[in-house]
Amino acid sequence: MSSMRIKKGDMVKIIAGKDKGSTGKVISINHKKGTVCVEGLNMITKHTKPSMANQQGGIITVEGPINVSNVMYVTDDGKVSRIGYTVETDAEGKTVKKRVVKATGKVID
């Protein structure tokens, strides 16, 4: 599988599925399965047994995983774009790999 260009904390827009068109922040990533969990989107119900952490038990709603191919990075101005990489050399002569927004060429981090 290719490298995952979305990282935890990124703002993304859902481009397919029941929450299509919604935006939210990535809260977790599963690199093995190629999925992301977005805050407040793709909510699923989960039945839990009583435990020390959750004395009551019962039905709770949590964010479900979304395939990374169904989300796109949202830039600061609210537009969606793909993400690429560029390799630059810093002042000390080391090569540094940085994420770049394909539409504008702006460096993310």
PDB file of N, CA and C in Angstrom:
ATOM      1  N   MET A   1       0.843  -1.182   0.000  1.00  0.00           N
ATOM      2  CA  MET A   1       0.000   0.000   0.000  1.00  0.00           C
ATOM      3  C   MET A   1       0.886   1.242   0.000  1.00  0.00           C
ATOM      4  N   SER A   2       0.422   2.284  -0.674  1.00  0.00           N
ATOM      5  CA  SER A   2       1.200   3.512  -0.721  1.00  0.00           C
ATOM      6  C   SER A   2       1.143   4.232   0.622  1.00  0.00           C
ATOM      7  N   SER A   3       1.998   5.225   0.774  1.00  0.00           N
ATOM      8  CA  SER A   3       2.041   5.949   2.037  1.00  0.00           C
ATOM      9  C   SER A   3       0.760   6.752   2.244  1.00  0.00           C
ATOM     10  N   MET A   4       0.354   6.863   3.500  1.00  0.00           N
ATOM     11  CA  MET A   4      -0.856   7.600   3.824  1.00  0.00           C
ATOM     12  C   MET A   4      -0.493   9.062   4.016  1.00  0.00           C
ATOM     13  N   ARG A   5      -1.086   9.935   3.234  1.00  0.00           N
ATOM     14  CA  ARG A   5      -0.727  11.350   3.247  1.00  0.00           C
ATOM     15  C   ARG A   5      -1.532  12.161   4.255  1.00  0.00           C
ATOM     16  N   ILE A   6      -2.600  11.586   4.789  1.00  0.00           N
ATOM     17  CA  ILE A   6      -3.410  12.251   5.808  1.00  0.00           C
ATOM     18  C   ILE A   6      -2.809  11.928   7.174  1.00  0.00           C
ATOM     19  N   LYS A   7      -2.751  12.937   8.054  1.00  0.00           N
ATOM     20  CA  LYS A   7      -2.209  12.729   9.393  1.00  0.00           C
ATOM     21  C   LYS A   7      -3.243  13.118  10.449  1.00  0.00           C
ATOM     22  N   LYS A   8      -2.996  12.668  11.666  1.00  0.00           N
ATOM     23  CA  LYS A   8      -3.859  12.997  12.799  1.00  0.00           C
ATOM     24  C   LYS A   8      -3.861  14.504  13.006  1.00  0.00           C
ATOM     25  N   GLY A   9      -5.058  15.083  13.167  1.00  0.00           N
ATOM     26  CA  GLY A   9      -5.176  16.518  13.381  1.00  0.00           C
ATOM     27  C   GLY A   9      -5.505  17.293  12.116  1.00  0.00           C
ATOM     28  N   ASP A  10      -5.417  16.668  10.945  1.00  0.00           N
ATOM     29  CA  ASP A  10      -5.742  17.334   9.680  1.00  0.00           C
ATOM     30  C   ASP A  10      -7.247  17.537   9.558  1.00  0.00           C
ATOM     31  N   MET A  11      -7.649  18.617   8.909  1.00  0.00           N
ATOM     32  CA  MET A  11      -9.051  18.827   8.563  1.00  0.00           C
ATOM     33  C   MET A  11      -9.294  18.143   7.227  1.00  0.00           C
ATOM     34  N   VAL A  12     -10.333  17.304   7.161  1.00  0.00           N
ATOM     35  CA  VAL A  12     -10.639  16.577   5.938  1.00  0.00           C
ATOM     36  C   VAL A  12     -12.114  16.718   5.599  1.00  0.00           C
ATOM     37  N   LYS A  13     -12.422  16.489   4.312  1.00  0.00           N
ATOM     38  CA  LYS A  13     -13.796  16.503   3.831  1.00  0.00           C
ATOM     39  C   LYS A  13     -14.123  15.114   3.318  1.00  0.00           C
ATOM     40  N   ILE A  14     -15.311  14.609   3.667  1.00  0.00           N
ATOM     41  CA  ILE A  14     -15.751  13.293   3.217  1.00  0.00           C
ATOM     42  C   ILE A  14     -16.265  13.449   1.786  1.00  0.00           C
ATOM     43  N   ILE A  15     -15.738  12.631   0.863  1.00  0.00           N
ATOM     44  CA  ILE A  15     -16.139  12.757  -0.539  1.00  0.00           C
ATOM     45  C   ILE A  15     -17.015  11.601  -1.014  1.00  0.00           C
ATOM     46  N   ALA A  16     -17.250  10.609  -0.153  1.00  0.00           N
ATOM     47  CA  ALA A  16     -18.113   9.486  -0.515  1.00  0.00           C
ATOM     48  C   ALA A  16     -18.721   8.893   0.749  1.00  0.00           C
ATOM     49  N   GLY A  17     -19.904   8.310   0.604  1.00  0.00           N
ATOM     50  CA  GLY A  17     -20.558   7.648   1.733  1.00  0.00           C
ATOM     51  C   GLY A  17     -21.709   8.452   2.300  1.00  0.00           C
ATOM     52  N   LYS A  18     -22.220   8.016   3.444  1.00  0.00           N
ATOM     53  CA  LYS A  18     -23.415   8.640   4.017  1.00  0.00           C
ATOM     54  C   LYS A  18     -23.163  10.049   4.534  1.00  0.00           C
ATOM     55  N   ASP A  19     -21.924  10.385   4.893  1.00  0.00           N
ATOM     56  CA  ASP A  19     -21.587  11.713   5.398  1.00  0.00           C
ATOM     57  C   ASP A  19     -20.914  12.576   4.333  1.00  0.00           C
ATOM     58  N   LYS A  20     -21.180  12.299   3.064  1.00  0.00           N
ATOM     59  CA  LYS A  20     -20.549  13.024   1.960  1.00  0.00           C
ATOM     60  C   LYS A  20     -20.781  14.531   2.087  1.00  0.00           C
ATOM     61  N   GLY A  21     -19.701  15.304   1.944  1.00  0.00           N
ATOM     62  CA  GLY A  21     -19.793  16.753   2.021  1.00  0.00           C
ATOM     63  C   GLY A  21     -19.474  17.325   3.394  1.00  0.00           C
ATOM     64  N   SER A  22     -19.387  16.489   4.413  1.00  0.00           N
ATOM     65  CA  SER A  22     -19.104  16.952   5.770  1.00  0.00           C
ATOM     66  C   SER A  22     -17.600  17.081   5.986  1.00  0.00           C
ATOM     67  N   THR A  23     -17.229  18.012   6.876  1.00  0.00           N
ATOM     68  CA  THR A  23     -15.813  18.182   7.204  1.00  0.00           C
ATOM     69  C   THR A  23     -15.602  17.946   8.690  1.00  0.00           C
ATOM     70  N   GLY A  24     -14.394  17.523   9.035  1.00  0.00           N
ATOM     71  CA  GLY A  24     -14.059  17.287  10.426  1.00  0.00           C
ATOM     72  C   GLY A  24     -12.578  17.033  10.593  1.00  0.00           C
ATOM     73  N   LYS A  25     -12.161  16.911  11.852  1.00  0.00           N
ATOM     74  CA  LYS A  25     -10.757  16.703  12.174  1.00  0.00           C
ATOM     75  C   LYS A  25     -10.478  15.215  12.358  1.00  0.00           C
ATOM     76  N   VAL A  26      -9.352  14.754  11.827  1.00  0.00           N
ATOM     77  CA  VAL A  26      -8.947  13.357  11.964  1.00  0.00           C
ATOM     78  C   VAL A  26      -8.506  13.119  13.406  1.00  0.00           C
ATOM     79  N   ILE A  27      -9.107  12.114  14.061  1.00  0.00           N
ATOM     80  CA  ILE A  27      -8.759  11.832  15.452  1.00  0.00           C
ATOM     81  C   ILE A  27      -7.895  10.590  15.595  1.00  0.00           C
ATOM     82  N   SER A  28      -7.973   9.666  14.628  1.00  0.00           N
ATOM     83  CA  SER A  28      -7.098   8.499  14.671  1.00  0.00           C
ATOM     84  C   SER A  28      -6.917   7.925  13.272  1.00  0.00           C
ATOM     85  N   ILE A  29      -5.809   7.192  13.114  1.00  0.00           N
ATOM     86  CA  ILE A  29      -5.456   6.603  11.830  1.00  0.00           C
ATOM     87  C   ILE A  29      -5.051   5.153  12.045  1.00  0.00           C
ATOM     88  N   ASN A  30      -5.506   4.262  11.165  1.00  0.00           N
ATOM     89  CA  ASN A  30      -5.082   2.868  11.173  1.00  0.00           C
ATOM     90  C   ASN A  30      -4.317   2.629   9.871  1.00  0.00           C
ATOM     91  N   HIS A  31      -2.992   2.591   9.949  1.00  0.00           N
ATOM     92  CA  HIS A  31      -2.162   2.449   8.756  1.00  0.00           C
ATOM     93  C   HIS A  31      -2.301   1.076   8.111  1.00  0.00           C
ATOM     94  N   LYS A  32      -2.492   0.027   8.910  1.00  0.00           N
ATOM     95  CA  LYS A  32      -2.611  -1.324   8.358  1.00  0.00           C
ATOM     96  C   LYS A  32      -3.860  -1.482   7.502  1.00  0.00           C
ATOM     97  N   LYS A  33      -4.978  -0.971   7.991  1.00  0.00           N
ATOM     98  CA  LYS A  33      -6.244  -1.104   7.270  1.00  0.00           C
ATOM     99  C   LYS A  33      -6.491   0.049   6.297  1.00  0.00           C
ATOM    100  N   GLY A  34      -5.725   1.137   6.411  1.00  0.00           N
ATOM    101  CA  GLY A  34      -5.903   2.274   5.518  1.00  0.00           C
ATOM    102  C   GLY A  34      -7.162   3.058   5.819  1.00  0.00           C
ATOM    103  N   THR A  35      -7.473   3.225   7.109  1.00  0.00           N
ATOM    104  CA  THR A  35      -8.682   3.937   7.504  1.00  0.00           C
ATOM    105  C   THR A  35      -8.360   5.089   8.449  1.00  0.00           C
ATOM    106  N   VAL A  36      -9.288   6.043   8.512  1.00  0.00           N
ATOM    107  CA  VAL A  36      -9.182   7.166   9.437  1.00  0.00           C
ATOM    108  C   VAL A  36     -10.507   7.312  10.177  1.00  0.00           C
ATOM    109  N   CYS A  37     -10.468   7.870  11.377  1.00  0.00           N
ATOM    110  CA  CYS A  37     -11.671   8.206  12.135  1.00  0.00           C
ATOM    111  C   CYS A  37     -11.746   9.721  12.202  1.00  0.00           C
ATOM    112  N   VAL A  38     -12.890  10.265  11.793  1.00  0.00           N
ATOM    113  CA  VAL A  38     -13.082  11.709  11.746  1.00  0.00           C
ATOM    114  C   VAL A  38     -14.053  12.107  12.846  1.00  0.00           C
ATOM    115  N   GLU A  39     -13.704  13.161  13.568  1.00  0.00           N
ATOM    116  CA  GLU A  39     -14.460  13.622  14.723  1.00  0.00           C
ATOM    117  C   GLU A  39     -15.910  13.962  14.360  1.00  0.00           C
ATOM    118  N   GLY A  40     -16.861  13.244  14.973  1.00  0.00           N
ATOM    119  CA  GLY A  40     -18.282  13.525  14.800  1.00  0.00           C
ATOM    120  C   GLY A  40     -18.906  12.997  13.527  1.00  0.00           C
ATOM    121  N   LEU A  41     -18.170  12.246  12.725  1.00  0.00           N
ATOM    122  CA  LEU A  41     -18.702  11.728  11.460  1.00  0.00           C
ATOM    123  C   LEU A  41     -18.652  10.207  11.434  1.00  0.00           C
ATOM    124  N   ASN A  42     -19.542   9.617  10.624  1.00  0.00           N
ATOM    125  CA  ASN A  42     -19.660   8.159  10.491  1.00  0.00           C
ATOM    126  C   ASN A  42     -19.886   7.511  11.858  1.00  0.00           C
ATOM    127  N   MET A  43     -20.852   8.043  12.595  1.00  0.00           N
ATOM    128  CA  MET A  43     -21.150   7.548  13.935  1.00  0.00           C
ATOM    129  C   MET A  43     -21.818   6.173  13.856  1.00  0.00           C
ATOM    130  N   ILE A  44     -21.341   5.247  14.699  1.00  0.00           N
ATOM    131  CA  ILE A  44     -21.907   3.912  14.776  1.00  0.00           C
ATOM    132  C   ILE A  44     -22.295   3.635  16.221  1.00  0.00           C
ATOM    133  N   THR A  45     -23.265   2.728  16.424  1.00  0.00           N
ATOM    134  CA  THR A  45     -23.660   2.356  17.781  1.00  0.00           C
ATOM    135  C   THR A  45     -22.888   1.124  18.196  1.00  0.00           C
ATOM    136  N   LYS A  46     -22.508   1.100  19.452  1.00  0.00           N
ATOM    137  CA  LYS A  46     -21.708   0.005  19.981  1.00  0.00           C
ATOM    138  C   LYS A  46     -22.310  -0.435  21.315  1.00  0.00           C
ATOM    139  N   HIS A  47     -22.481  -1.736  21.480  1.00  0.00           N
ATOM    140  CA  HIS A  47     -23.032  -2.276  22.715  1.00  0.00           C
ATOM    141  C   HIS A  47     -21.871  -2.649  23.627  1.00  0.00           C
ATOM    142  N   THR A  48     -21.895  -2.118  24.865  1.00  0.00           N
ATOM    143  CA  THR A  48     -20.794  -2.387  25.794  1.00  0.00           C
ATOM    144  C   THR A  48     -21.314  -3.049  27.067  1.00  0.00           C
ATOM    145  N   LYS A  49     -20.487  -3.947  27.593  1.00  0.00           N
ATOM    146  CA  LYS A  49     -20.801  -4.577  28.869  1.00  0.00           C
ATOM    147  C   LYS A  49     -20.361  -3.647  29.994  1.00  0.00           C
ATOM    148  N   PRO A  50     -20.974  -3.765  31.167  1.00  0.00           N
ATOM    149  CA  PRO A  50     -20.491  -2.982  32.310  1.00  0.00           C
ATOM    150  C   PRO A  50     -19.047  -3.347  32.646  1.00  0.00           C
ATOM    151  N   SER A  51     -18.239  -2.344  32.934  1.00  0.00           N
ATOM    152  CA  SER A  51     -16.840  -2.575  33.290  1.00  0.00           C
ATOM    153  C   SER A  51     -16.448  -1.544  34.340  1.00  0.00           C
ATOM    154  N   MET A  52     -15.210  -1.587  34.756  1.00  0.00           N
ATOM    155  CA  MET A  52     -14.734  -0.617  35.745  1.00  0.00           C
ATOM    156  C   MET A  52     -14.765   0.799  35.166  1.00  0.00           C
ATOM    157  N   ALA A  53     -14.436   0.945  33.899  1.00  0.00           N
ATOM    158  CA  ALA A  53     -14.432   2.266  33.272  1.00  0.00           C
ATOM    159  C   ALA A  53     -15.855   2.758  33.012  1.00  0.00           C
ATOM    160  N   ASN A  54     -16.735   1.859  32.595  1.00  0.00           N
ATOM    161  CA  ASN A  54     -18.117   2.208  32.282  1.00  0.00           C
ATOM    162  C   ASN A  54     -19.034   1.331  33.139  1.00  0.00           C
ATOM    163  N   GLN A  55     -19.416   1.819  34.315  1.00  0.00           N
ATOM    164  CA  GLN A  55     -20.199   1.041  35.275  1.00  0.00           C
ATOM    165  C   GLN A  55     -21.580   0.672  34.730  1.00  0.00           C
ATOM    166  N   GLN A  56     -22.166   1.565  33.949  1.00  0.00           N
ATOM    167  CA  GLN A  56     -23.528   1.375  33.473  1.00  0.00           C
ATOM    168  C   GLN A  56     -23.597   0.375  32.318  1.00  0.00           C
ATOM    169  N   GLY A  57     -22.642   0.456  31.371  1.00  0.00           N
ATOM    170  CA  GLY A  57     -22.740  -0.373  30.170  1.00  0.00           C
ATOM    171  C   GLY A  57     -23.802   0.213  29.251  1.00  0.00           C
ATOM    172  N   GLY A  58     -24.276  -0.550  28.300  1.00  0.00           N
ATOM    173  CA  GLY A  58     -25.358  -0.106  27.433  1.00  0.00           C
ATOM    174  C   GLY A  58     -24.889   0.235  26.033  1.00  0.00           C
ATOM    175  N   ILE A  59     -25.662   1.065  25.345  1.00  0.00           N
ATOM    176  CA  ILE A  59     -25.405   1.410  23.950  1.00  0.00           C
ATOM    177  C   ILE A  59     -24.745   2.782  23.890  1.00  0.00           C
ATOM    178  N   ILE A  60     -23.589   2.863  23.226  1.00  0.00           N
ATOM    179  CA  ILE A  60     -22.891   4.137  23.054  1.00  0.00           C
ATOM    180  C   ILE A  60     -22.659   4.375  21.561  1.00  0.00           C
ATOM    181  N   THR A  61     -22.438   5.631  21.193  1.00  0.00           N
ATOM    182  CA  THR A  61     -22.137   5.948  19.798  1.00  0.00           C
ATOM    183  C   THR A  61     -20.697   6.424  19.712  1.00  0.00           C
ATOM    184  N   VAL A  62     -19.973   5.889  18.745  1.00  0.00           N
ATOM    185  CA  VAL A  62     -18.575   6.235  18.531  1.00  0.00           C
ATOM    186  C   VAL A  62     -18.329   6.470  17.039  1.00  0.00           C
ATOM    187  N   GLU A  63     -17.214   7.129  16.725  1.00  0.00           N
ATOM    188  CA  GLU A  63     -16.853   7.359  15.340  1.00  0.00           C
ATOM    189  C   GLU A  63     -16.362   6.062  14.714  1.00  0.00           C
ATOM    190  N   GLY A  64     -16.873   5.751  13.544  1.00  0.00           N
ATOM    191  CA  GLY A  64     -16.443   4.554  12.830  1.00  0.00           C
ATOM    192  C   GLY A  64     -15.348   4.895  11.838  1.00  0.00           C
ATOM    193  N   PRO A  65     -14.605   3.887  11.391  1.00  0.00           N
ATOM    194  CA  PRO A  65     -13.522   4.128  10.437  1.00  0.00           C
ATOM    195  C   PRO A  65     -14.043   4.429   9.038  1.00  0.00           C
ATOM    196  N   ILE A  66     -13.315   5.276   8.329  1.00  0.00           N
ATOM    197  CA  ILE A  66     -13.612   5.632   6.940  1.00  0.00           C
ATOM    198  C   ILE A  66     -12.358   5.340   6.133  1.00  0.00           C
ATOM    199  N   ASN A  67     -12.510   4.737   4.962  1.00  0.00           N
ATOM    200  CA  ASN A  67     -11.360   4.463   4.120  1.00  0.00           C
ATOM    201  C   ASN A  67     -10.698   5.775   3.726  1.00  0.00           C
ATOM    202  N   VAL A  68      -9.379   5.795   3.727  1.00  0.00           N
ATOM    203  CA  VAL A  68      -8.631   7.020   3.458  1.00  0.00           C
ATOM    204  C   VAL A  68      -8.883   7.539   2.045  1.00  0.00           C
ATOM    205  N   SER A  69      -9.303   6.671   1.130  1.00  0.00           N
ATOM    206  CA  SER A  69      -9.593   7.107  -0.234  1.00  0.00           C
ATOM    207  C   SER A  69     -10.874   7.926  -0.315  1.00  0.00           C
ATOM    208  N   ASN A  70     -11.682   7.902   0.746  1.00  0.00           N
ATOM    209  CA  ASN A  70     -12.951   8.633   0.762  1.00  0.00           C
ATOM    210  C   ASN A  70     -12.863   9.974   1.478  1.00  0.00           C
ATOM    211  N   VAL A  71     -11.654  10.431   1.807  1.00  0.00           N
ATOM    212  CA  VAL A  71     -11.479  11.738   2.427  1.00  0.00           C
ATOM    213  C   VAL A  71     -10.442  12.535   1.649  1.00  0.00           C
ATOM    214  N   MET A  72     -10.594  13.869   1.680  1.00  0.00           N
ATOM    215  CA  MET A  72      -9.632  14.764   1.038  1.00  0.00           C
ATOM    216  C   MET A  72      -9.235  15.855   2.015  1.00  0.00           C
ATOM    217  N   TYR A  73      -7.999  16.286   1.929  1.00  0.00           N
ATOM    218  CA  TYR A  73      -7.461  17.330   2.798  1.00  0.00           C
ATOM    219  C   TYR A  73      -8.144  18.662   2.495  1.00  0.00           C
ATOM    220  N   VAL A  74      -8.480  19.423   3.540  1.00  0.00           N
ATOM    221  CA  VAL A  74      -9.093  20.742   3.391  1.00  0.00           C
ATOM    222  C   VAL A  74      -8.036  21.794   3.721  1.00  0.00           C
ATOM    223  N   THR A  75      -7.804  22.727   2.790  1.00  0.00           N
ATOM    224  CA  THR A  75      -6.828  23.789   3.005  1.00  0.00           C
ATOM    225  C   THR A  75      -7.406  24.857   3.921  1.00  0.00           C
ATOM    226  N   ASP A  76      -6.584  25.852   4.277  1.00  0.00           N
ATOM    227  CA  ASP A  76      -7.008  26.918   5.185  1.00  0.00           C
ATOM    228  C   ASP A  76      -8.167  27.734   4.626  1.00  0.00           C
ATOM    229  N   ASP A  77      -8.248  27.878   3.290  1.00  0.00           N
ATOM    230  CA  ASP A  77      -9.320  28.676   2.693  1.00  0.00           C
ATOM    231  C   ASP A  77     -10.581  27.851   2.418  1.00  0.00           C
ATOM    232  N   GLY A  78     -10.617  26.586   2.853  1.00  0.00           N
ATOM    233  CA  GLY A  78     -11.820  25.774   2.753  1.00  0.00           C
ATOM    234  C   GLY A  78     -11.935  24.932   1.503  1.00  0.00           C
ATOM    235  N   LYS A  79     -10.938  24.954   0.632  1.00  0.00           N
ATOM    236  CA  LYS A  79     -10.977  24.154  -0.583  1.00  0.00           C
ATOM    237  C   LYS A  79     -10.295  22.813  -0.347  1.00  0.00           C
ATOM    238  N   VAL A  80     -10.728  21.797  -1.087  1.00  0.00           N
ATOM    239  CA  VAL A  80     -10.117  20.482  -0.955  1.00  0.00           C
ATOM    240  C   VAL A  80      -9.009  20.315  -1.978  1.00  0.00           C
ATOM    241  N   SER A  81      -8.016  19.532  -1.613  1.00  0.00           N
ATOM    242  CA  SER A  81      -6.886  19.314  -2.505  1.00  0.00           C
ATOM    243  C   SER A  81      -6.213  17.997  -2.167  1.00  0.00           C
ATOM    244  N   ARG A  82      -5.444  17.511  -3.121  1.00  0.00           N
ATOM    245  CA  ARG A  82      -4.616  16.339  -2.876  1.00  0.00           C
ATOM    246  C   ARG A  82      -3.335  16.788  -2.180  1.00  0.00           C
ATOM    247  N   ILE A  83      -2.610  15.824  -1.641  1.00  0.00           N
ATOM    248  CA  ILE A  83      -1.360  16.127  -0.946  1.00  0.00           C
ATOM    249  C   ILE A  83      -0.228  15.380  -1.623  1.00  0.00           C
ATOM    250  N   GLY A  84       0.880  16.067  -1.802  1.00  0.00           N
ATOM    251  CA  GLY A  84       2.072  15.449  -2.362  1.00  0.00           C
ATOM    252  C   GLY A  84       3.248  15.676  -1.435  1.00  0.00           C
ATOM    253  N   TYR A  85       4.417  15.243  -1.882  1.00  0.00           N
ATOM    254  CA  TYR A  85       5.628  15.416  -1.093  1.00  0.00           C
ATOM    255  C   TYR A  85       6.673  16.150  -1.903  1.00  0.00           C
ATOM    256  N   THR A  86       7.519  16.883  -1.222  1.00  0.00           N
ATOM    257  CA  THR A  86       8.686  17.491  -1.832  1.00  0.00           C
ATOM    258  C   THR A  86       9.872  17.256  -0.910  1.00  0.00           C
ATOM    259  N   VAL A  87      11.042  17.110  -1.512  1.00  0.00           N
ATOM    260  CA  VAL A  87      12.253  16.891  -0.740  1.00  0.00           C
ATOM    261  C   VAL A  87      13.118  18.127  -0.861  1.00  0.00           C
ATOM    262  N   GLU A  88      13.456  18.709   0.287  1.00  0.00           N
ATOM    263  CA  GLU A  88      14.259  19.930   0.320  1.00  0.00           C
ATOM    264  C   GLU A  88      15.470  19.699   1.210  1.00  0.00           C
ATOM    265  N   THR A  89      16.467  20.541   1.036  1.00  0.00           N
ATOM    266  CA  THR A  89      17.623  20.499   1.928  1.00  0.00           C
ATOM    267  C   THR A  89      17.549  21.695   2.861  1.00  0.00           C
ATOM    268  N   ASP A  90      17.793  21.459   4.141  1.00  0.00           N
ATOM    269  CA  ASP A  90      17.746  22.551   5.115  1.00  0.00           C
ATOM    270  C   ASP A  90      19.119  23.226   5.209  1.00  0.00           C
ATOM    271  N   ALA A  91      19.257  24.145   6.146  1.00  0.00           N
ATOM    272  CA  ALA A  91      20.483  24.938   6.287  1.00  0.00           C
ATOM    273  C   ALA A  91      21.703  24.081   6.633  1.00  0.00           C
ATOM    274  N   GLU A  92      21.455  22.945   7.305  1.00  0.00           N
ATOM    275  CA  GLU A  92      22.561  22.086   7.714  1.00  0.00           C
ATOM    276  C   GLU A  92      22.946  21.069   6.644  1.00  0.00           C
ATOM    277  N   GLY A  93      22.255  21.068   5.517  1.00  0.00           N
ATOM    278  CA  GLY A  93      22.570  20.147   4.430  1.00  0.00           C
ATOM    279  C   GLY A  93      21.818  18.835   4.482  1.00  0.00           C
ATOM    280  N   LYS A  94      20.890  18.677   5.437  1.00  0.00           N
ATOM    281  CA  LYS A  94      20.103  17.452   5.540  1.00  0.00           C
ATOM    282  C   LYS A  94      18.898  17.546   4.605  1.00  0.00           C
ATOM    283  N   THR A  95      18.498  16.414   4.040  1.00  0.00           N
ATOM    284  CA  THR A  95      17.303  16.399   3.205  1.00  0.00           C
ATOM    285  C   THR A  95      16.082  16.199   4.092  1.00  0.00           C
ATOM    286  N   VAL A  96      15.040  16.978   3.821  1.00  0.00           N
ATOM    287  CA  VAL A  96      13.824  16.951   4.616  1.00  0.00           C
ATOM    288  C   VAL A  96      12.644  16.728   3.677  1.00  0.00           C
ATOM    289  N   LYS A  97      11.793  15.750   4.018  1.00  0.00           N
ATOM    290  CA  LYS A  97      10.603  15.457   3.230  1.00  0.00           C
ATOM    291  C   LYS A  97       9.432  16.217   3.834  1.00  0.00           C
ATOM    292  N   LYS A  98       8.727  17.019   3.017  1.00  0.00           N
ATOM    293  CA  LYS A  98       7.622  17.838   3.509  1.00  0.00           C
ATOM    294  C   LYS A  98       6.368  17.575   2.698  1.00  0.00           C
ATOM    295  N   ARG A  99       5.215  17.704   3.369  1.00  0.00           N
ATOM    296  CA  ARG A  99       3.926  17.570   2.673  1.00  0.00           C
ATOM    297  C   ARG A  99       3.574  18.883   1.996  1.00  0.00           C
ATOM    298  N   VAL A 100       3.012  18.800   0.781  1.00  0.00           N
ATOM    299  CA  VAL A 100       2.684  19.974  -0.006  1.00  0.00           C
ATOM    300  C   VAL A 100       1.261  19.827  -0.556  1.00  0.00           C
ATOM    301  N   VAL A 101       0.492  20.930  -0.532  1.00  0.00           N
ATOM    302  CA  VAL A 101      -0.833  20.955  -1.128  1.00  0.00           C
ATOM    303  C   VAL A 101      -0.650  21.058  -2.639  1.00  0.00           C
ATOM    304  N   LYS A 102      -1.229  20.116  -3.387  1.00  0.00           N
ATOM    305  CA  LYS A 102      -1.015  20.056  -4.832  1.00  0.00           C
ATOM    306  C   LYS A 102      -1.620  21.271  -5.552  1.00  0.00           C
ATOM    307  N   ALA A 103      -2.769  21.770  -5.094  1.00  0.00           N
ATOM    308  CA  ALA A 103      -3.455  22.857  -5.786  1.00  0.00           C
ATOM    309  C   ALA A 103      -2.678  24.173  -5.706  1.00  0.00           C
ATOM    310  N   THR A 104      -2.096  24.465  -4.535  1.00  0.00           N
ATOM    311  CA  THR A 104      -1.450  25.764  -4.336  1.00  0.00           C
ATOM    312  C   THR A 104       0.067  25.673  -4.249  1.00  0.00           C
ATOM    313  N   GLY A 105       0.597  24.499  -3.937  1.00  0.00           N
ATOM    314  CA  GLY A 105       2.034  24.353  -3.751  1.00  0.00           C
ATOM    315  C   GLY A 105       2.509  24.765  -2.379  1.00  0.00           C
ATOM    316  N   LYS A 106       1.580  25.066  -1.471  1.00  0.00           N
ATOM    317  CA  LYS A 106       1.919  25.512  -0.133  1.00  0.00           C
ATOM    318  C   LYS A 106       2.380  24.325   0.731  1.00  0.00           C
ATOM    319  N   VAL A 107       3.433  24.527   1.514  1.00  0.00           N
ATOM    320  CA  VAL A 107       3.947  23.493   2.407  1.00  0.00           C
ATOM    321  C   VAL A 107       3.083  23.415   3.656  1.00  0.00           C
ATOM    322  N   ILE A 108       2.644  22.201   4.013  1.00  0.00           N
ATOM    323  CA  ILE A 108       1.816  22.028   5.199  1.00  0.00           C
ATOM    324  C   ILE A 108       2.664  21.927   6.449  1.00  0.00           C
ATOM    325  N   ASP A 109       3.659  21.008   6.415  1.00  0.00           N
ATOM    326  CA  ASP A 109       4.527  20.835   7.581  1.00  0.00           C
ATOM    327  C   ASP A 109       5.867  20.253   7.155  1.00  0.00           C
TER     328      ASP A 109
END
